[in-house]
Amino acid sequence: MVKKTARKTAARTQPVDFESALKELETLVERMEEGEQPLETALKDFERGVELFRICQGALKDAEQKVQILLEKSGQAELADFDDDE
């Protein structure tokens, strides 16, 4: 039984791409918002959600750094703030 738990944990902690992490995070949030989970399950989902949030945050930070490097190479030194009101 220990092996099954170890495999299950290992499968959940493997790195995932941004889109997969975001989709799983959205699913966890929806499930937790329903409020019908046992406390232990909700805590596990919360822990996984934090992990997924960090994966997403890291992927976004990496993408921003890559964009910054590309802009610097093209002669534009800084990113402009995004304004979606236009």
PDB file of N, CA and C in Angstrom:
ATOM      1  N   MET A   1       0.813  -1.193   0.000  1.00  0.00           N
ATOM      2  CA  MET A   1       0.000   0.000   0.000  1.00  0.00           C
ATOM      3  C   MET A   1       0.857   1.258   0.000  1.00  0.00           C
ATOM      4  N   VAL A   2       2.025   1.195   0.606  1.00  0.00           N
ATOM      5  CA  VAL A   2       2.932   2.336   0.625  1.00  0.00           C
ATOM      6  C   VAL A   2       3.377   2.679  -0.791  1.00  0.00           C
ATOM      7  N   LYS A   3       3.621   1.657  -1.602  1.00  0.00           N
ATOM      8  CA  LYS A   3       4.058   1.898  -2.967  1.00  0.00           C
ATOM      9  C   LYS A   3       3.007   2.665  -3.766  1.00  0.00           C
ATOM     10  N   LYS A   4       1.735   2.312  -3.596  1.00  0.00           N
ATOM     11  CA  LYS A   4       0.666   3.019  -4.305  1.00  0.00           C
ATOM     12  C   LYS A   4       0.632   4.478  -3.912  1.00  0.00           C
ATOM     13  N   THR A   5       0.777   4.761  -2.617  1.00  0.00           N
ATOM     14  CA  THR A   5       0.778   6.143  -2.150  1.00  0.00           C
ATOM     15  C   THR A   5       1.967   6.893  -2.724  1.00  0.00           C
ATOM     16  N   ALA A   6       3.125   6.263  -2.721  1.00  0.00           N
ATOM     17  CA  ALA A   6       4.325   6.915  -3.247  1.00  0.00           C
ATOM     18  C   ALA A   6       4.162   7.218  -4.728  1.00  0.00           C
ATOM     19  N   ARG A   7       3.603   6.281  -5.477  1.00  0.00           N
ATOM     20  CA  ARG A   7       3.387   6.521  -6.900  1.00  0.00           C
ATOM     21  C   ARG A   7       2.390   7.639  -7.135  1.00  0.00           C
ATOM     22  N   LYS A   8       1.320   7.630  -6.368  1.00  0.00           N
ATOM     23  CA  LYS A   8       0.289   8.650  -6.514  1.00  0.00           C
ATOM     24  C   LYS A   8       0.877  10.029  -6.210  1.00  0.00           C
ATOM     25  N   THR A   9       1.659  10.131  -5.148  1.00  0.00           N
ATOM     26  CA  THR A   9       2.286  11.397  -4.782  1.00  0.00           C
ATOM     27  C   THR A   9       3.274  11.829  -5.851  1.00  0.00           C
ATOM     28  N   ALA A  10       4.076  10.900  -6.339  1.00  0.00           N
ATOM     29  CA  ALA A  10       5.062  11.237  -7.369  1.00  0.00           C
ATOM     30  C   ALA A  10       4.373  11.726  -8.634  1.00  0.00           C
ATOM     31  N   ALA A  11       3.274  11.095  -8.996  1.00  0.00           N
ATOM     32  CA  ALA A  11       2.552  11.506 -10.201  1.00  0.00           C
ATOM     33  C   ALA A  11       1.981  12.909 -10.045  1.00  0.00           C
ATOM     34  N   ARG A  12       1.555  13.264  -8.841  1.00  0.00           N
ATOM     35  CA  ARG A  12       0.958  14.583  -8.626  1.00  0.00           C
ATOM     36  C   ARG A  12       2.010  15.680  -8.555  1.00  0.00           C
ATOM     37  N   THR A  13       3.259  15.344  -8.207  1.00  0.00           N
ATOM     38  CA  THR A  13       4.263  16.382  -8.038  1.00  0.00           C
ATOM     39  C   THR A  13       5.162  16.547  -9.262  1.00  0.00           C
ATOM     40  N   GLN A  14       4.965  15.753 -10.310  1.00  0.00           N
ATOM     41  CA  GLN A  14       5.765  15.908 -11.507  1.00  0.00           C
ATOM     42  C   GLN A  14       5.476  17.260 -12.135  1.00  0.00           C
ATOM     43  N   PRO A  15       6.505  17.880 -12.720  1.00  0.00           N
ATOM     44  CA  PRO A  15       6.286  19.166 -13.382  1.00  0.00           C
ATOM     45  C   PRO A  15       5.252  19.039 -14.502  1.00  0.00           C
ATOM     46  N   VAL A  16       4.415  20.042 -14.600  1.00  0.00           N
ATOM     47  CA  VAL A  16       3.407  20.083 -15.653  1.00  0.00           C
ATOM     48  C   VAL A  16       3.554  21.404 -16.399  1.00  0.00           C
ATOM     49  N   ASP A  17       3.023  21.461 -17.605  1.00  0.00           N
ATOM     50  CA  ASP A  17       3.089  22.711 -18.351  1.00  0.00           C
ATOM     51  C   ASP A  17       2.073  23.708 -17.788  1.00  0.00           C
ATOM     52  N   PHE A  18       2.223  24.944 -18.164  1.00  0.00           N
ATOM     53  CA  PHE A  18       1.405  26.030 -17.631  1.00  0.00           C
ATOM     54  C   PHE A  18      -0.093  25.774 -17.825  1.00  0.00           C
ATOM     55  N   GLU A  19      -0.482  25.414 -19.036  1.00  0.00           N
ATOM     56  CA  GLU A  19      -1.897  25.234 -19.332  1.00  0.00           C
ATOM     57  C   GLU A  19      -2.508  24.096 -18.512  1.00  0.00           C
ATOM     58  N   SER A  20      -1.787  22.992 -18.379  1.00  0.00           N
ATOM     59  CA  SER A  20      -2.280  21.866 -17.579  1.00  0.00           C
ATOM     60  C   SER A  20      -2.387  22.239 -16.110  1.00  0.00           C
ATOM     61  N   ALA A  21      -1.372  22.954 -15.614  1.00  0.00           N
ATOM     62  CA  ALA A  21      -1.387  23.376 -14.214  1.00  0.00           C
ATOM     63  C   ALA A  21      -2.553  24.319 -13.953  1.00  0.00           C
ATOM     64  N   LEU A  22      -2.781  25.256 -14.859  1.00  0.00           N
ATOM     65  CA  LEU A  22      -3.868  26.217 -14.689  1.00  0.00           C
ATOM     66  C   LEU A  22      -5.229  25.517 -14.715  1.00  0.00           C
ATOM     67  N   LYS A  23      -5.393  24.583 -15.633  1.00  0.00           N
ATOM     68  CA  LYS A  23      -6.661  23.860 -15.734  1.00  0.00           C
ATOM     69  C   LYS A  23      -6.918  23.046 -14.463  1.00  0.00           C
ATOM     70  N   GLU A  24      -5.887  22.353 -13.971  1.00  0.00           N
ATOM     71  CA  GLU A  24      -6.052  21.576 -12.749  1.00  0.00           C
ATOM     72  C   GLU A  24      -6.348  22.488 -11.566  1.00  0.00           C
ATOM     73  N   LEU A  25      -5.682  23.633 -11.517  1.00  0.00           N
ATOM     74  CA  LEU A  25      -5.910  24.597 -10.443  1.00  0.00           C
ATOM     75  C   LEU A  25      -7.347  25.108 -10.464  1.00  0.00           C
ATOM     76  N   GLU A  26      -7.861  25.418 -11.641  1.00  0.00           N
ATOM     77  CA  GLU A  26      -9.257  25.867 -11.763  1.00  0.00           C
ATOM     78  C   GLU A  26     -10.224  24.794 -11.279  1.00  0.00           C
ATOM     79  N   THR A  27      -9.939  23.538 -11.614  1.00  0.00           N
ATOM     80  CA  THR A  27     -10.787  22.426 -11.173  1.00  0.00           C
ATOM     81  C   THR A  27     -10.775  22.303  -9.652  1.00  0.00           C
ATOM     82  N   LEU A  28      -9.584  22.422  -9.057  1.00  0.00           N
ATOM     83  CA  LEU A  28      -9.469  22.349  -7.598  1.00  0.00           C
ATOM     84  C   LEU A  28     -10.248  23.477  -6.925  1.00  0.00           C
ATOM     85  N   VAL A  29     -10.124  24.672  -7.461  1.00  0.00           N
ATOM     86  CA  VAL A  29     -10.822  25.826  -6.875  1.00  0.00           C
ATOM     87  C   VAL A  29     -12.329  25.619  -6.941  1.00  0.00           C
ATOM     88  N   GLU A  30     -12.821  25.179  -8.089  1.00  0.00           N
ATOM     89  CA  GLU A  30     -14.265  24.935  -8.228  1.00  0.00           C
ATOM     90  C   GLU A  30     -14.740  23.901  -7.216  1.00  0.00           C
ATOM     91  N   ARG A  31     -13.978  22.819  -7.077  1.00  0.00           N
ATOM     92  CA  ARG A  31     -14.354  21.757  -6.145  1.00  0.00           C
ATOM     93  C   ARG A  31     -14.344  22.264  -4.700  1.00  0.00           C
ATOM     94  N   MET A  32     -13.337  23.066  -4.360  1.00  0.00           N
ATOM     95  CA  MET A  32     -13.243  23.591  -2.995  1.00  0.00           C
ATOM     96  C   MET A  32     -14.340  24.616  -2.724  1.00  0.00           C
ATOM     97  N   GLU A  33     -14.711  25.393  -3.741  1.00  0.00           N
ATOM     98  CA  GLU A  33     -15.767  26.387  -3.561  1.00  0.00           C
ATOM     99  C   GLU A  33     -17.119  25.750  -3.278  1.00  0.00           C
ATOM    100  N   GLU A  34     -17.318  24.525  -3.745  1.00  0.00           N
ATOM    101  CA  GLU A  34     -18.560  23.823  -3.464  1.00  0.00           C
ATOM    102  C   GLU A  34     -18.698  23.544  -1.970  1.00  0.00           C
ATOM    103  N   GLY A  35     -17.577  23.379  -1.284  1.00  0.00           N
ATOM    104  CA  GLY A  35     -17.584  23.217   0.166  1.00  0.00           C
ATOM    105  C   GLY A  35     -18.134  21.911   0.676  1.00  0.00           C
ATOM    106  N   GLU A  36     -18.173  20.899  -0.153  1.00  0.00           N
ATOM    107  CA  GLU A  36     -18.752  19.626   0.269  1.00  0.00           C
ATOM    108  C   GLU A  36     -17.715  18.541   0.487  1.00  0.00           C
ATOM    109  N   GLN A  37     -16.438  18.902   0.496  1.00  0.00           N
ATOM    110  CA  GLN A  37     -15.370  17.930   0.691  1.00  0.00           C
ATOM    111  C   GLN A  37     -15.098  17.730   2.181  1.00  0.00           C
ATOM    112  N   PRO A  38     -14.630  16.539   2.532  1.00  0.00           N
ATOM    113  CA  PRO A  38     -14.135  16.364   3.897  1.00  0.00           C
ATOM    114  C   PRO A  38     -12.902  17.253   4.097  1.00  0.00           C
ATOM    115  N   LEU A  39     -12.640  17.639   5.309  1.00  0.00           N
ATOM    116  CA  LEU A  39     -11.537  18.551   5.616  1.00  0.00           C
ATOM    117  C   LEU A  39     -10.203  18.031   5.095  1.00  0.00           C
ATOM    118  N   GLU A  40      -9.933  16.759   5.294  1.00  0.00           N
ATOM    119  CA  GLU A  40      -8.654  16.191   4.859  1.00  0.00           C
ATOM    120  C   GLU A  40      -8.475  16.313   3.345  1.00  0.00           C
ATOM    121  N   THR A  41      -9.525  16.047   2.600  1.00  0.00           N
ATOM    122  CA  THR A  41      -9.475  16.171   1.138  1.00  0.00           C
ATOM    123  C   THR A  41      -9.289  17.625   0.733  1.00  0.00           C
ATOM    124  N   ALA A  42      -9.985  18.529   1.392  1.00  0.00           N
ATOM    125  CA  ALA A  42      -9.855  19.962   1.091  1.00  0.00           C
ATOM    126  C   ALA A  42      -8.430  20.439   1.360  1.00  0.00           C
ATOM    127  N   LEU A  43      -7.825  19.956   2.431  1.00  0.00           N
ATOM    128  CA  LEU A  43      -6.446  20.347   2.743  1.00  0.00           C
ATOM    129  C   LEU A  43      -5.472  19.816   1.692  1.00  0.00           C
ATOM    130  N   LYS A  44      -5.675  18.594   1.237  1.00  0.00           N
ATOM    131  CA  LYS A  44      -4.821  18.037   0.183  1.00  0.00           C
ATOM    132  C   LYS A  44      -4.989  18.825  -1.107  1.00  0.00           C
ATOM    133  N   ASP A  45      -6.233  19.170  -1.429  1.00  0.00           N
ATOM    134  CA  ASP A  45      -6.480  19.974  -2.627  1.00  0.00           C
ATOM    135  C   ASP A  45      -5.848  21.357  -2.502  1.00  0.00           C
ATOM    136  N   PHE A  46      -5.922  21.931  -1.311  1.00  0.00           N
ATOM    137  CA  PHE A  46      -5.303  23.238  -1.096  1.00  0.00           C
ATOM    138  C   PHE A  46      -3.791  23.153  -1.280  1.00  0.00           C
ATOM    139  N   GLU A  47      -3.193  22.111  -0.728  1.00  0.00           N
ATOM    140  CA  GLU A  47      -1.747  21.920  -0.863  1.00  0.00           C
ATOM    141  C   GLU A  47      -1.363  21.773  -2.334  1.00  0.00           C
ATOM    142  N   ARG A  48      -2.128  20.988  -3.077  1.00  0.00           N
ATOM    143  CA  ARG A  48      -1.866  20.821  -4.505  1.00  0.00           C
ATOM    144  C   ARG A  48      -2.087  22.143  -5.244  1.00  0.00           C
ATOM    145  N   GLY A  49      -3.087  22.886  -4.836  1.00  0.00           N
ATOM    146  CA  GLY A  49      -3.343  24.182  -5.447  1.00  0.00           C
ATOM    147  C   GLY A  49      -2.181  25.145  -5.279  1.00  0.00           C
ATOM    148  N   VAL A  50      -1.585  25.146  -4.097  1.00  0.00           N
ATOM    149  CA  VAL A  50      -0.415  26.001  -3.853  1.00  0.00           C
ATOM    150  C   VAL A  50       0.732  25.582  -4.769  1.00  0.00           C
ATOM    151  N   GLU A  51       0.923  24.284  -4.903  1.00  0.00           N
ATOM    152  CA  GLU A  51       1.969  23.770  -5.785  1.00  0.00           C
ATOM    153  C   GLU A  51       1.715  24.194  -7.233  1.00  0.00           C
ATOM    154  N   LEU A  52       0.480  24.049  -7.678  1.00  0.00           N
ATOM    155  CA  LEU A  52       0.140  24.435  -9.048  1.00  0.00           C
ATOM    156  C   LEU A  52       0.277  25.936  -9.259  1.00  0.00           C
ATOM    157  N   PHE A  53      -0.106  26.722  -8.261  1.00  0.00           N
ATOM    158  CA  PHE A  53       0.033  28.173  -8.343  1.00  0.00           C
ATOM    159  C   PHE A  53       1.501  28.541  -8.542  1.00  0.00           C
ATOM    160  N   ARG A  54       2.368  27.881  -7.794  1.00  0.00           N
ATOM    161  CA  ARG A  54       3.810  28.162  -7.917  1.00  0.00           C
ATOM    162  C   ARG A  54       4.335  27.780  -9.295  1.00  0.00           C
ATOM    163  N   ILE A  55       3.838  26.678  -9.843  1.00  0.00           N
ATOM    164  CA  ILE A  55       4.237  26.272 -11.193  1.00  0.00           C
ATOM    165  C   ILE A  55       3.807  27.339 -12.197  1.00  0.00           C
ATOM    166  N   CYS A  56       2.570  27.804 -12.087  1.00  0.00           N
ATOM    167  CA  CYS A  56       2.053  28.839 -12.993  1.00  0.00           C
ATOM    168  C   CYS A  56       2.832  30.139 -12.829  1.00  0.00           C
ATOM    169  N   GLN A  57       3.060  30.521 -11.603  1.00  0.00           N
ATOM    170  CA  GLN A  57       3.787  31.758 -11.319  1.00  0.00           C
ATOM    171  C   GLN A  57       5.196  31.692 -11.905  1.00  0.00           C
ATOM    172  N   GLY A  58       5.856  30.557 -11.752  1.00  0.00           N
ATOM    173  CA  GLY A  58       7.203  30.381 -12.302  1.00  0.00           C
ATOM    174  C   GLY A  58       7.206  30.438 -13.816  1.00  0.00           C
ATOM    175  N   ALA A  59       6.221  29.806 -14.442  1.00  0.00           N
ATOM    176  CA  ALA A  59       6.138  29.815 -15.902  1.00  0.00           C
ATOM    177  C   ALA A  59       5.908  31.233 -16.428  1.00  0.00           C
ATOM    178  N   LEU A  60       5.054  31.989 -15.754  1.00  0.00           N
ATOM    179  CA  LEU A  60       4.804  33.372 -16.165  1.00  0.00           C
ATOM    180  C   LEU A  60       6.041  34.242 -15.980  1.00  0.00           C
ATOM    181  N   LYS A  61       6.759  34.022 -14.902  1.00  0.00           N
ATOM    182  CA  LYS A  61       7.989  34.788 -14.654  1.00  0.00           C
ATOM    183  C   LYS A  61       9.032  34.476 -15.722  1.00  0.00           C
ATOM    184  N   ASP A  62       9.168  33.189 -16.066  1.00  0.00           N
ATOM    185  CA  ASP A  62      10.103  32.803 -17.126  1.00  0.00           C
ATOM    186  C   ASP A  62       9.729  33.443 -18.460  1.00  0.00           C
ATOM    187  N   ALA A  63       8.440  33.437 -18.768  1.00  0.00           N
ATOM    188  CA  ALA A  63       7.982  34.032 -20.028  1.00  0.00           C
ATOM    189  C   ALA A  63       8.262  35.528 -20.049  1.00  0.00           C
ATOM    190  N   GLU A  64       8.022  36.201 -18.930  1.00  0.00           N
ATOM    191  CA  GLU A  64       8.288  37.635 -18.858  1.00  0.00           C
ATOM    192  C   GLU A  64       9.777  37.927 -19.056  1.00  0.00           C
ATOM    193  N   GLN A  65      10.629  37.096 -18.472  1.00  0.00           N
ATOM    194  CA  GLN A  65      12.070  37.290 -18.630  1.00  0.00           C
ATOM    195  C   GLN A  65      12.484  37.101 -20.087  1.00  0.00           C
ATOM    196  N   LYS A  66      11.913  36.105 -20.749  1.00  0.00           N
ATOM    197  CA  LYS A  66      12.231  35.868 -22.158  1.00  0.00           C
ATOM    198  C   LYS A  66      11.785  37.054 -23.023  1.00  0.00           C
ATOM    199  N   VAL A  67      10.602  37.581 -22.740  1.00  0.00           N
ATOM    200  CA  VAL A  67      10.113  38.741 -23.485  1.00  0.00           C
ATOM    201  C   VAL A  67      11.029  39.934 -23.247  1.00  0.00           C
ATOM    202  N   GLN A  68      11.442  40.136 -22.010  1.00  0.00           N
ATOM    203  CA  GLN A  68      12.339  41.248 -21.681  1.00  0.00           C
ATOM    204  C   GLN A  68      13.656  41.125 -22.447  1.00  0.00           C
ATOM    205  N   ILE A  69      14.204  39.923 -22.508  1.00  0.00           N
ATOM    206  CA  ILE A  69      15.450  39.702 -23.243  1.00  0.00           C
ATOM    207  C   ILE A  69      15.261  40.005 -24.724  1.00  0.00           C
ATOM    208  N   LEU A  70      14.155  39.542 -25.291  1.00  0.00           N
ATOM    209  CA  LEU A  70      13.885  39.804 -26.705  1.00  0.00           C
ATOM    210  C   LEU A  70      13.719  41.292 -26.973  1.00  0.00           C
ATOM    211  N   LEU A  71      13.055  42.002 -26.064  1.00  0.00           N
ATOM    212  CA  LEU A  71      12.883  43.446 -26.230  1.00  0.00           C
ATOM    213  C   LEU A  71      14.212  44.167 -26.140  1.00  0.00           C
ATOM    214  N   GLU A  72      15.056  43.760 -25.221  1.00  0.00           N
ATOM    215  CA  GLU A  72      16.367  44.385 -25.081  1.00  0.00           C
ATOM    216  C   GLU A  72      17.203  44.174 -26.334  1.00  0.00           C
ATOM    217  N   LYS A  73      17.113  42.976 -26.912  1.00  0.00           N
ATOM    218  CA  LYS A  73      17.861  42.685 -28.145  1.00  0.00           C
ATOM    219  C   LYS A  73      17.351  43.510 -29.317  1.00  0.00           C
ATOM    220  N   SER A  74      16.062  43.866 -29.292  1.00  0.00           N
ATOM    221  CA  SER A  74      15.492  44.635 -30.395  1.00  0.00           C
ATOM    222  C   SER A  74      15.616  46.140 -30.172  1.00  0.00           C
ATOM    223  N   GLY A  75      16.198  46.535 -29.043  1.00  0.00           N
ATOM    224  CA  GLY A  75      16.406  47.947 -28.777  1.00  0.00           C
ATOM    225  C   GLY A  75      15.375  48.584 -27.874  1.00  0.00           C
ATOM    226  N   GLN A  76      14.328  47.911 -27.531  1.00  0.00           N
ATOM    227  CA  GLN A  76      13.323  48.441 -26.607  1.00  0.00           C
ATOM    228  C   GLN A  76      13.683  47.913 -25.219  1.00  0.00           C
ATOM    229  N   ALA A  77      14.040  48.809 -24.310  1.00  0.00           N
ATOM    230  CA  ALA A  77      14.621  48.393 -23.038  1.00  0.00           C
ATOM    231  C   ALA A  77      13.609  47.915 -21.995  1.00  0.00           C
ATOM    232  N   GLU A  78      12.375  48.402 -22.024  1.00  0.00           N
ATOM    233  CA  GLU A  78      11.443  48.070 -20.947  1.00  0.00           C
ATOM    234  C   GLU A  78      10.098  47.584 -21.496  1.00  0.00           C
ATOM    235  N   LEU A  79       9.444  46.754 -20.666  1.00  0.00           N
ATOM    236  CA  LEU A  79       8.084  46.338 -20.984  1.00  0.00           C
ATOM    237  C   LEU A  79       7.135  47.469 -20.651  1.00  0.00           C
ATOM    238  N   ALA A  80       6.132  47.654 -21.476  1.00  0.00           N
ATOM    239  CA  ALA A  80       5.112  48.645 -21.177  1.00  0.00           C
ATOM    240  C   ALA A  80       3.986  47.968 -20.412  1.00  0.00           C
ATOM    241  N   ASP A  81       3.333  48.701 -19.521  1.00  0.00           N
ATOM    242  CA  ASP A  81       2.199  48.152 -18.788  1.00  0.00           C
ATOM    243  C   ASP A  81       1.057  47.861 -19.744  1.00  0.00           C
ATOM    244  N   PHE A  82       0.343  46.786 -19.481  1.00  0.00           N
ATOM    245  CA  PHE A  82      -0.795  46.406 -20.292  1.00  0.00           C
ATOM    246  C   PHE A  82      -2.020  47.173 -19.812  1.00  0.00           C
ATOM    247  N   ASP A  83      -2.710  47.805 -20.743  1.00  0.00           N
ATOM    248  CA  ASP A  83      -3.922  48.544 -20.412  1.00  0.00           C
ATOM    249  C   ASP A  83      -5.025  48.043 -21.317  1.00  0.00           C
ATOM    250  N   ASP A  84      -5.950  47.255 -20.757  1.00  0.00           N
ATOM    251  CA  ASP A  84      -6.996  46.658 -21.597  1.00  0.00           C
ATOM    252  C   ASP A  84      -8.208  47.566 -21.780  1.00  0.00           C
ATOM    253  N   ASP A  85      -8.146  48.807 -21.316  1.00  0.00           N
ATOM    254  CA  ASP A  85      -9.241  49.756 -21.501  1.00  0.00           C
ATOM    255  C   ASP A  85      -9.287  50.326 -22.904  1.00  0.00           C
ATOM    256  N   GLU A  86      -8.210  50.179 -23.651  1.00  0.00           N
ATOM    257  CA  GLU A  86      -8.136  50.761 -24.997  1.00  0.00           C
ATOM    258  C   GLU A  86      -8.901  49.974 -25.995  1.00  0.00           C
TER     259      GLU A  86
END
